[in-house]
Amino acid sequence: KLFLYIVDGDSSDQEENDPQVGRIIGK
């Protein structure tokens, strides 16, 4: 949500292109 807030671009596109591997690495 923080990225959607601070990064330019359409939020719906960013939701769809959210890298799952990156999220797992972060977790």
PDB file of all heavy atoms in Angstrom:
ATOM      1  N   LYS A   1       0.829  -1.204   0.000  1.00  0.00           N
ATOM      2  CA  LYS A   1       0.000   0.000   0.000  1.00  0.00           C
ATOM      3  C   LYS A   1       0.867   1.260   0.000  1.00  0.00           C
ATOM      4  O   LYS A   1       0.527   2.266  -0.639  1.00  0.00           O
ATOM      5  CB  LYS A   1      -0.908   0.010   1.232  1.00  0.00           C
ATOM      6  CG  LYS A   1      -1.912  -1.132   1.299  1.00  0.00           C
ATOM      7  CD  LYS A   1      -3.010  -0.976   0.283  1.00  0.00           C
ATOM      8  CE  LYS A   1      -4.054  -2.064   0.443  1.00  0.00           C
ATOM      9  NZ  LYS A   1      -5.111  -1.976  -0.597  1.00  0.00           N
ATOM     10  N   LEU A   2       1.994   1.189   0.705  1.00  0.00           N
ATOM     11  CA  LEU A   2       2.915   2.330   0.747  1.00  0.00           C
ATOM     12  C   LEU A   2       3.479   2.620  -0.636  1.00  0.00           C
ATOM     13  O   LEU A   2       3.565   3.777  -1.052  1.00  0.00           O
ATOM     14  CB  LEU A   2       4.048   2.048   1.739  1.00  0.00           C
ATOM     15  CG  LEU A   2       5.096   3.145   1.919  1.00  0.00           C
ATOM     16  CD1 LEU A   2       4.464   4.407   2.505  1.00  0.00           C
ATOM     17  CD2 LEU A   2       6.232   2.656   2.812  1.00  0.00           C
ATOM     18  N   PHE A   3       3.827   1.555  -1.372  1.00  0.00           N
ATOM     19  CA  PHE A   3       4.345   1.727  -2.729  1.00  0.00           C
ATOM     20  C   PHE A   3       3.279   2.329  -3.649  1.00  0.00           C
ATOM     21  O   PHE A   3       3.574   3.200  -4.462  1.00  0.00           O
ATOM     22  CB  PHE A   3       4.814   0.381  -3.291  1.00  0.00           C
ATOM     23  CG  PHE A   3       6.279   0.132  -3.089  1.00  0.00           C
ATOM     24  CD1 PHE A   3       6.720  -0.796  -2.171  1.00  0.00           C
ATOM     25  CD2 PHE A   3       7.219   0.842  -3.820  1.00  0.00           C
ATOM     26  CE1 PHE A   3       8.064  -1.020  -1.971  1.00  0.00           C
ATOM     27  CE2 PHE A   3       8.576   0.613  -3.639  1.00  0.00           C
ATOM     28  CZ  PHE A   3       9.008  -0.311  -2.710  1.00  0.00           C
ATOM     29  N   LEU A   4       2.052   1.858  -3.515  1.00  0.00           N
ATOM     30  CA  LEU A   4       0.969   2.397  -4.341  1.00  0.00           C
ATOM     31  C   LEU A   4       0.763   3.883  -4.062  1.00  0.00           C
ATOM     32  O   LEU A   4       0.325   4.631  -4.932  1.00  0.00           O
ATOM     33  CB  LEU A   4      -0.328   1.632  -4.068  1.00  0.00           C
ATOM     34  CG  LEU A   4      -0.354   0.165  -4.496  1.00  0.00           C
ATOM     35  CD1 LEU A   4      -1.668  -0.476  -4.091  1.00  0.00           C
ATOM     36  CD2 LEU A   4      -0.144   0.037  -5.995  1.00  0.00           C
ATOM     37  N   TYR A   5       1.083   4.281  -2.831  1.00  0.00           N
ATOM     38  CA  TYR A   5       0.917   5.682  -2.431  1.00  0.00           C
ATOM     39  C   TYR A   5       2.042   6.580  -2.957  1.00  0.00           C
ATOM     40  O   TYR A   5       1.798   7.690  -3.423  1.00  0.00           O
ATOM     41  CB  TYR A   5       0.845   5.763  -0.909  1.00  0.00           C
ATOM     42  CG  TYR A   5       0.899   7.166  -0.347  1.00  0.00           C
ATOM     43  CD1 TYR A   5      -0.023   8.136  -0.731  1.00  0.00           C
ATOM     44  CD2 TYR A   5       1.887   7.523   0.564  1.00  0.00           C
ATOM     45  CE1 TYR A   5       0.029   9.426  -0.223  1.00  0.00           C
ATOM     46  CE2 TYR A   5       1.945   8.813   1.082  1.00  0.00           C
ATOM     47  CZ  TYR A   5       1.016   9.756   0.676  1.00  0.00           C
ATOM     48  OH  TYR A   5       1.077  11.029   1.172  1.00  0.00           O
ATOM     49  N   ILE A   6       3.285   6.083  -2.908  1.00  0.00           N
ATOM     50  CA  ILE A   6       4.425   6.945  -3.226  1.00  0.00           C
ATOM     51  C   ILE A   6       4.922   6.818  -4.670  1.00  0.00           C
ATOM     52  O   ILE A   6       5.599   7.715  -5.165  1.00  0.00           O
ATOM     53  CB  ILE A   6       5.609   6.680  -2.274  1.00  0.00           C
ATOM     54  CG1 ILE A   6       6.146   5.259  -2.439  1.00  0.00           C
ATOM     55  CG2 ILE A   6       5.200   6.945  -0.842  1.00  0.00           C
ATOM     56  CD1 ILE A   6       7.365   4.973  -1.597  1.00  0.00           C
ATOM     57  N   VAL A   7       4.577   5.698  -5.340  1.00  0.00           N
ATOM     58  CA  VAL A   7       5.097   5.472  -6.690  1.00  0.00           C
ATOM     59  C   VAL A   7       4.095   5.973  -7.718  1.00  0.00           C
ATOM     60  O   VAL A   7       2.891   5.751  -7.586  1.00  0.00           O
ATOM     61  CB  VAL A   7       5.388   3.972  -6.914  1.00  0.00           C
ATOM     62  CG1 VAL A   7       5.849   3.732  -8.356  1.00  0.00           C
ATOM     63  CG2 VAL A   7       6.461   3.492  -5.948  1.00  0.00           C
ATOM     64  N   ASP A   8       4.607   6.639  -8.759  1.00  0.00           N
ATOM     65  CA  ASP A   8       3.748   7.139  -9.831  1.00  0.00           C
ATOM     66  C   ASP A   8       3.211   5.983 -10.653  1.00  0.00           C
ATOM     67  O   ASP A   8       3.842   4.932 -10.777  1.00  0.00           O
ATOM     68  CB  ASP A   8       4.527   8.093 -10.744  1.00  0.00           C
ATOM     69  CG  ASP A   8       4.930   9.365 -10.022  1.00  0.00           C
ATOM     70  OD1 ASP A   8       4.199   9.763  -9.093  1.00  0.00           O
ATOM     71  OD2 ASP A   8       5.969   9.948 -10.393  1.00  0.00           O
ATOM     72  N   GLY A   9       2.046   6.196 -11.250  1.00  0.00           N
ATOM     73  CA  GLY A   9       1.451   5.187 -12.110  1.00  0.00           C
ATOM     74  C   GLY A   9       0.071   4.802 -11.632  1.00  0.00           C
ATOM     75  O   GLY A   9      -0.376   5.204 -10.567  1.00  0.00           O
ATOM     76  N   ASP A  10      -0.608   4.005 -12.447  1.00  0.00           N
ATOM     77  CA  ASP A  10      -1.969   3.576 -12.127  1.00  0.00           C
ATOM     78  C   ASP A  10      -1.931   2.495 -11.061  1.00  0.00           C
ATOM     79  O   ASP A  10      -1.214   1.494 -11.191  1.00  0.00           O
ATOM     80  CB  ASP A  10      -2.656   3.042 -13.392  1.00  0.00           C
ATOM     81  CG  ASP A  10      -4.102   2.657 -13.134  1.00  0.00           C
ATOM     82  OD1 ASP A  10      -4.923   3.554 -12.932  1.00  0.00           O
ATOM     83  OD2 ASP A  10      -4.383   1.448 -13.113  1.00  0.00           O
ATOM     84  N   SER A  11      -2.693   2.664 -10.005  1.00  0.00           N
ATOM     85  CA  SER A  11      -2.670   1.735  -8.879  1.00  0.00           C
ATOM     86  C   SER A  11      -3.167   0.358  -9.256  1.00  0.00           C
ATOM     87  O   SER A  11      -2.667  -0.648  -8.752  1.00  0.00           O
ATOM     88  CB  SER A  11      -3.507   2.290  -7.713  1.00  0.00           C
ATOM     89  OG  SER A  11      -4.842   2.456  -8.099  1.00  0.00           O
ATOM     90  N   SER A  12      -4.147   0.271 -10.146  1.00  0.00           N
ATOM     91  CA  SER A  12      -4.686  -1.027 -10.539  1.00  0.00           C
ATOM     92  C   SER A  12      -3.650  -1.839 -11.300  1.00  0.00           C
ATOM     93  O   SER A  12      -3.540  -3.055 -11.134  1.00  0.00           O
ATOM     94  CB  SER A  12      -5.947  -0.847 -11.394  1.00  0.00           C
ATOM     95  OG  SER A  12      -5.647  -0.119 -12.576  1.00  0.00           O
ATOM     96  N   ASP A  13      -2.857  -1.143 -12.158  1.00  0.00           N
ATOM     97  CA  ASP A  13      -1.791  -1.838 -12.887  1.00  0.00           C
ATOM     98  C   ASP A  13      -0.718  -2.335 -11.933  1.00  0.00           C
ATOM     99  O   ASP A  13      -0.185  -3.445 -12.086  1.00  0.00           O
ATOM    100  CB  ASP A  13      -1.148  -0.902 -13.926  1.00  0.00           C
ATOM    101  CG  ASP A  13      -2.095  -0.575 -15.072  1.00  0.00           C
ATOM    102  OD1 ASP A  13      -3.062  -1.345 -15.272  1.00  0.00           O
ATOM    103  OD2 ASP A  13      -1.877   0.453 -15.743  1.00  0.00           O
ATOM    104  N   GLN A  14      -0.387  -1.526 -10.942  1.00  0.00           N
ATOM    105  CA  GLN A  14       0.631  -1.926  -9.971  1.00  0.00           C
ATOM    106  C   GLN A  14       0.152  -3.109  -9.142  1.00  0.00           C
ATOM    107  O   GLN A  14       0.940  -3.980  -8.767  1.00  0.00           O
ATOM    108  CB  GLN A  14       0.975  -0.739  -9.067  1.00  0.00           C
ATOM    109  CG  GLN A  14       1.696   0.380  -9.798  1.00  0.00           C
ATOM    110  CD  GLN A  14       1.964   1.572  -8.901  1.00  0.00           C
ATOM    111  OE1 GLN A  14       2.219   1.437  -7.711  1.00  0.00           O
ATOM    112  NE2 GLN A  14       1.904   2.751  -9.472  1.00  0.00           N
ATOM    113  N   GLU A  15      -1.135  -3.156  -8.844  1.00  0.00           N
ATOM    114  CA  GLU A  15      -1.696  -4.292  -8.103  1.00  0.00           C
ATOM    115  C   GLU A  15      -1.526  -5.572  -8.909  1.00  0.00           C
ATOM    116  O   GLU A  15      -1.147  -6.612  -8.380  1.00  0.00           O
ATOM    117  CB  GLU A  15      -3.193  -4.043  -7.829  1.00  0.00           C
ATOM    118  CG  GLU A  15      -3.465  -2.985  -6.796  1.00  0.00           C
ATOM    119  CD  GLU A  15      -3.486  -3.534  -5.392  1.00  0.00           C
ATOM    120  OE1 GLU A  15      -3.257  -4.745  -5.231  1.00  0.00           O
ATOM    121  OE2 GLU A  15      -3.721  -2.760  -4.457  1.00  0.00           O
ATOM    122  N   GLU A  16      -1.823  -5.503 -10.219  1.00  0.00           N
ATOM    123  CA  GLU A  16      -1.754  -6.680 -11.058  1.00  0.00           C
ATOM    124  C   GLU A  16      -0.323  -7.136 -11.291  1.00  0.00           C
ATOM    125  O   GLU A  16      -0.036  -8.324 -11.427  1.00  0.00           O
ATOM    126  CB  GLU A  16      -2.425  -6.381 -12.403  1.00  0.00           C
ATOM    127  CG  GLU A  16      -3.938  -6.170 -12.291  1.00  0.00           C
ATOM    128  CD  GLU A  16      -4.559  -5.786 -13.624  1.00  0.00           C
ATOM    129  OE1 GLU A  16      -3.797  -5.700 -14.619  1.00  0.00           O
ATOM    130  OE2 GLU A  16      -5.777  -5.566 -13.670  1.00  0.00           O
ATOM    131  N   ASN A  17       0.625  -6.165 -11.341  1.00  0.00           N
ATOM    132  CA  ASN A  17       2.021  -6.488 -11.630  1.00  0.00           C
ATOM    133  C   ASN A  17       2.856  -6.692 -10.372  1.00  0.00           C
ATOM    134  O   ASN A  17       4.075  -6.721 -10.429  1.00  0.00           O
ATOM    135  CB  ASN A  17       2.650  -5.365 -12.478  1.00  0.00           C
ATOM    136  CG  ASN A  17       1.961  -5.226 -13.832  1.00  0.00           C
ATOM    137  OD1 ASN A  17       1.514  -6.214 -14.407  1.00  0.00           O
ATOM    138  ND2 ASN A  17       1.865  -3.991 -14.323  1.00  0.00           N
ATOM    139  N   ASP A  18       2.213  -6.803  -9.234  1.00  0.00           N
ATOM    140  CA  ASP A  18       2.926  -6.983  -7.972  1.00  0.00           C
ATOM    141  C   ASP A  18       3.695  -8.303  -7.995  1.00  0.00           C
ATOM    142  O   ASP A  18       3.093  -9.372  -8.131  1.00  0.00           O
ATOM    143  CB  ASP A  18       1.917  -6.992  -6.820  1.00  0.00           C
ATOM    144  CG  ASP A  18       2.603  -7.166  -5.479  1.00  0.00           C
ATOM    145  OD1 ASP A  18       3.607  -6.474  -5.248  1.00  0.00           O
ATOM    146  OD2 ASP A  18       2.129  -7.991  -4.681  1.00  0.00           O
ATOM    147  N   PRO A  19       5.029  -8.276  -7.881  1.00  0.00           N
ATOM    148  CA  PRO A  19       5.829  -9.502  -7.952  1.00  0.00           C
ATOM    149  C   PRO A  19       5.679 -10.362  -6.698  1.00  0.00           C
ATOM    150  O   PRO A  19       6.092  -9.969  -5.612  1.00  0.00           O
ATOM    151  CB  PRO A  19       7.261  -8.975  -8.103  1.00  0.00           C
ATOM    152  CG  PRO A  19       7.233  -7.613  -7.479  1.00  0.00           C
ATOM    153  CD  PRO A  19       5.852  -7.074  -7.699  1.00  0.00           C
ATOM    154  N   GLN A  20       5.100 -11.544  -6.866  1.00  0.00           N
ATOM    155  CA  GLN A  20       4.873 -12.420  -5.728  1.00  0.00           C
ATOM    156  C   GLN A  20       6.187 -12.933  -5.132  1.00  0.00           C
ATOM    157  O   GLN A  20       6.303 -13.084  -3.917  1.00  0.00           O
ATOM    158  CB  GLN A  20       3.994 -13.601  -6.159  1.00  0.00           C
ATOM    159  CG  GLN A  20       2.576 -13.207  -6.539  1.00  0.00           C
ATOM    160  CD  GLN A  20       1.821 -12.575  -5.378  1.00  0.00           C
ATOM    161  OE1 GLN A  20       1.922 -13.020  -4.243  1.00  0.00           O
ATOM    162  NE2 GLN A  20       1.071 -11.521  -5.664  1.00  0.00           N
ATOM    163  N   VAL A  21       7.173 -13.215  -5.999  1.00  0.00           N
ATOM    164  CA  VAL A  21       8.461 -13.719  -5.510  1.00  0.00           C
ATOM    165  C   VAL A  21       9.121 -12.683  -4.598  1.00  0.00           C
ATOM    166  O   VAL A  21       9.653 -13.018  -3.536  1.00  0.00           O
ATOM    167  CB  VAL A  21       9.391 -14.069  -6.689  1.00  0.00           C
ATOM    168  CG1 VAL A  21      10.778 -14.460  -6.170  1.00  0.00           C
ATOM    169  CG2 VAL A  21       8.811 -15.207  -7.508  1.00  0.00           C
ATOM    170  N   GLY A  22       9.059 -11.418  -5.008  1.00  0.00           N
ATOM    171  CA  GLY A  22       9.637 -10.350  -4.199  1.00  0.00           C
ATOM    172  C   GLY A  22       8.970 -10.235  -2.852  1.00  0.00           C
ATOM    173  O   GLY A  22       9.630  -9.990  -1.828  1.00  0.00           O
ATOM    174  N   ARG A  23       7.647 -10.423  -2.812  1.00  0.00           N
ATOM    175  CA  ARG A  23       6.920 -10.344  -1.545  1.00  0.00           C
ATOM    176  C   ARG A  23       7.316 -11.494  -0.628  1.00  0.00           C
ATOM    177  O   ARG A  23       7.467 -11.303   0.581  1.00  0.00           O
ATOM    178  CB  ARG A  23       5.413 -10.380  -1.802  1.00  0.00           C
ATOM    179  CG  ARG A  23       4.876  -9.151  -2.508  1.00  0.00           C
ATOM    180  CD  ARG A  23       3.380  -9.190  -2.638  1.00  0.00           C
ATOM    181  NE  ARG A  23       2.735  -9.006  -1.344  1.00  0.00           N
ATOM    182  CZ  ARG A  23       1.436  -9.136  -1.136  1.00  0.00           C
ATOM    183  NH1 ARG A  23       0.642  -9.491  -2.130  1.00  0.00           N
ATOM    184  NH2 ARG A  23       0.911  -8.939   0.056  1.00  0.00           N
ATOM    185  N   ILE A  24       7.484 -12.683  -1.197  1.00  0.00           N
ATOM    186  CA  ILE A  24       7.880 -13.846  -0.390  1.00  0.00           C
ATOM    187  C   ILE A  24       9.286 -13.642   0.174  1.00  0.00           C
ATOM    188  O   ILE A  24       9.553 -13.948   1.341  1.00  0.00           O
ATOM    189  CB  ILE A  24       7.809 -15.136  -1.228  1.00  0.00           C
ATOM    190  CG1 ILE A  24       6.344 -15.442  -1.568  1.00  0.00           C
ATOM    191  CG2 ILE A  24       8.424 -16.306  -0.466  1.00  0.00           C
ATOM    192  CD1 ILE A  24       6.160 -16.608  -2.517  1.00  0.00           C
ATOM    193  N   ILE A  25      10.188 -13.112  -0.663  1.00  0.00           N
ATOM    194  CA  ILE A  25      11.548 -12.823  -0.195  1.00  0.00           C
ATOM    195  C   ILE A  25      11.503 -11.842   0.970  1.00  0.00           C
ATOM    196  O   ILE A  25      12.196 -12.009   1.981  1.00  0.00           O
ATOM    197  CB  ILE A  25      12.412 -12.262  -1.343  1.00  0.00           C
ATOM    198  CG1 ILE A  25      12.684 -13.342  -2.382  1.00  0.00           C
ATOM    199  CG2 ILE A  25      13.739 -11.705  -0.796  1.00  0.00           C
ATOM    200  CD1 ILE A  25      13.382 -12.845  -3.630  1.00  0.00           C
ATOM    201  N   GLY A  26      10.676 -10.814   0.835  1.00  0.00           N
ATOM    202  CA  GLY A  26      10.540  -9.827   1.907  1.00  0.00           C
ATOM    203  C   GLY A  26      10.002 -10.434   3.182  1.00  0.00           C
ATOM    204  O   GLY A  26      10.462 -10.107   4.291  1.00  0.00           O
ATOM    205  N   LYS A  27       9.023 -11.323   3.063  1.00  0.00           N
ATOM    206  CA  LYS A  27       8.443 -11.985   4.239  1.00  0.00           C
ATOM    207  C   LYS A  27       9.488 -12.835   4.964  1.00  0.00           C
ATOM    208  O   LYS A  27       9.630 -12.755   6.190  1.00  0.00           O
ATOM    209  CB  LYS A  27       7.266 -12.867   3.826  1.00  0.00           C
ATOM    210  CG  LYS A  27       6.054 -12.114   3.333  1.00  0.00           C
ATOM    211  CD  LYS A  27       4.985 -13.078   2.843  1.00  0.00           C
ATOM    212  CE  LYS A  27       3.758 -12.347   2.329  1.00  0.00           C
ATOM    213  NZ  LYS A  27       2.716 -13.285   1.837  1.00  0.00           N
TER     214      LYS A  27
END
